[in-house]
C-alpha atoms as a PDB file:
ATOM      1  CA  MET A   1      83.526  94.252  95.933  1.00  0.00           C
ATOM      2  CA  ILE A   2      85.007  95.056  92.774  1.00  0.00           C
ATOM      3  CA  ARG A   3      87.240  92.368  90.573  1.00  0.00           C
ATOM      4  CA  GLN A   4      90.691  94.191  91.175  1.00  0.00           C
ATOM      5  CA  VAL A   5      89.983  94.026  95.194  1.00  0.00           C
ATOM      6  CA  ALA A   6      89.051  90.490  94.953  1.00  0.00           C
ATOM      7  CA  ILE A   7      92.100  89.409  92.748  1.00  0.00           C
ATOM      8  CA  MET A   8      94.639  91.664  95.087  1.00  0.00           C
ATOM      9  CA  TYR A   9      93.232  89.824  98.018  1.00  0.00           C
ATOM     10  CA  ALA A  10      93.370  86.124  96.452  1.00  0.00           C
ATOM     11  CA  VAL A  11      96.969  86.430  95.219  1.00  0.00           C
ATOM     12  CA  ALA A  12      97.730  88.051  99.002  1.00  0.00           C
ATOM     13  CA  ALA A  13      95.912  85.169 100.706  1.00  0.00           C
ATOM     14  CA  LEU A  14      98.221  83.064  98.032  1.00  0.00           C
ATOM     15  CA  LEU A  15     101.584  84.678  99.156  1.00  0.00           C
ATOM     16  CA  LEU A  16     100.348  84.488 103.088  1.00  0.00           C
ATOM     17  CA  LEU A  17      99.941  80.668 102.435  1.00  0.00           C
ATOM     18  CA  VAL A  18     103.418  80.155 100.667  1.00  0.00           C
ATOM     19  CA  GLY A  19     105.378  82.414 103.167  1.00  0.00           C
ATOM     20  CA  ALA A  20     103.794  80.429 105.994  1.00  0.00           C
ATOM     21  CA  GLY A  21     104.459  77.299 104.373  1.00  0.00           C
ATOM     22  CA  CYS A  22     107.889  78.085 103.884  1.00  0.00           C
ATOM     23  CA  LEU A  23     108.858  78.600 107.148  1.00  0.00           C
ATOM     24  CA  LEU A  24     107.001  75.685 108.368  1.00  0.00           C
ATOM     25  CA  LEU A  25     109.571  73.820 106.285  1.00  0.00           C
ATOM     26  CA  LEU A  26     112.224  74.909 108.567  1.00  0.00           C
ATOM     27  CA  LEU A  27     111.142  72.762 111.164  1.00  0.00           C
ATOM     28  CA  ARG A  28     112.646  69.840 109.020  1.00  0.00           C
ATOM     29  CA  PRO A  29     116.569  69.997 109.289  1.00  0.00           C
ATOM     30  CA  GLY A  30     118.277  70.769 106.343  1.00  0.00           C
ATOM     31  CA  GLY A  31     121.397  72.673 105.390  1.00  0.00           C
ATOM     32  CA  ALA A  32     122.350  76.151 105.996  1.00  0.00           C
ATOM     33  CA  ALA A  33     122.059  77.136 102.464  1.00  0.00           C
ATOM     34  CA  ARG A  34     118.445  75.570 102.554  1.00  0.00           C
ATOM     35  CA  ALA A  35     117.553  77.489 105.952  1.00  0.00           C
ATOM     36  CA  TYR A  36     118.533  80.467 104.634  1.00  0.00           C
ATOM     37  CA  VAL A  37     116.553  80.340 101.121  1.00  0.00           C
ATOM     38  CA  LEU A  38     113.252  79.203 103.411  1.00  0.00           C
ATOM     39  CA  ARG A  39     113.399  81.896 105.773  1.00  0.00           C
ATOM     40  CA  MET A  40     114.263  84.902 103.134  1.00  0.00           C
ATOM     41  CA  THR A  41     111.528  83.508 100.582  1.00  0.00           C
ATOM     42  CA  GLY A  42     108.933  82.854 103.304  1.00  0.00           C
ATOM     43  CA  ILE A  43     109.187  86.224 104.951  1.00  0.00           C
ATOM     44  CA  MET A  44     109.377  87.933 101.599  1.00  0.00           C
ATOM     45  CA  ALA A  45     106.056  86.247 100.894  1.00  0.00           C
ATOM     46  CA  LEU A  46     104.699  86.833 104.586  1.00  0.00           C
ATOM     47  CA  ALA A  47     105.297  90.817 104.022  1.00  0.00           C
ATOM     48  CA  ALA A  48     104.382  91.162 100.201  1.00  0.00           C
ATOM     49  CA  GLY A  49     100.673  89.200 101.427  1.00  0.00           C
ATOM     50  CA  VAL A  50      99.932  91.637 103.847  1.00  0.00           C
ATOM     51  CA  ARG A  51     101.424  94.762 102.105  1.00  0.00           C
ATOM     52  CA  LEU A  52      99.049  93.065  99.317  1.00  0.00           C
ATOM     53  CA  ALA A  53      95.755  92.945 101.519  1.00  0.00           C
ATOM     54  CA  ALA A  54      96.387  96.145 103.212  1.00  0.00           C
ATOM     55  CA  GLY A  55      96.731  97.814  99.667  1.00  0.00           C
ATOM     56  CA  ALA A  56      93.316  95.631  98.802  1.00  0.00           C
ATOM     57  CA  GLY A  57      91.765  96.967 101.917  1.00  0.00           C
ATOM     58  CA  SER A  58      92.765 100.768 101.330  1.00  0.00           C
ATOM     59  CA  MET A  59      91.461 100.263  97.323  1.00  0.00           C
ATOM     60  CA  GLN A  60      88.105  98.934  98.737  1.00  0.00           C
ATOM     61  CA  ARG A  61      87.584 101.527 101.074  1.00  0.00           C
ATOM     62  CA  TRP A  62      88.404 104.686  98.525  1.00  0.00           C
ATOM     63  CA  SER A  63      86.383 102.576  95.791  1.00  0.00           C
ATOM     64  CA  VAL A  64      83.121 102.379  98.226  1.00  0.00           C
ATOM     65  CA  ALA A  65      83.833 106.168  99.666  1.00  0.00           C
ATOM     66  CA  GLY A  66      84.011 107.676  95.715  1.00  0.00           C
END
């Protein structure tokens, strides 16, 4: 595995953890603004993590095939 792909996977894992953590914080009661911020941040971090992991997988397959 090339170093760039490993870094992309590490950042993707970090984003997924942060996103899941934000969404889990919604279980505690809070105001509407807090819920909105946690929900939006969590969903966006999860989406970025999934997209980055998919890009890393494509980059890995492309570098092995070439």
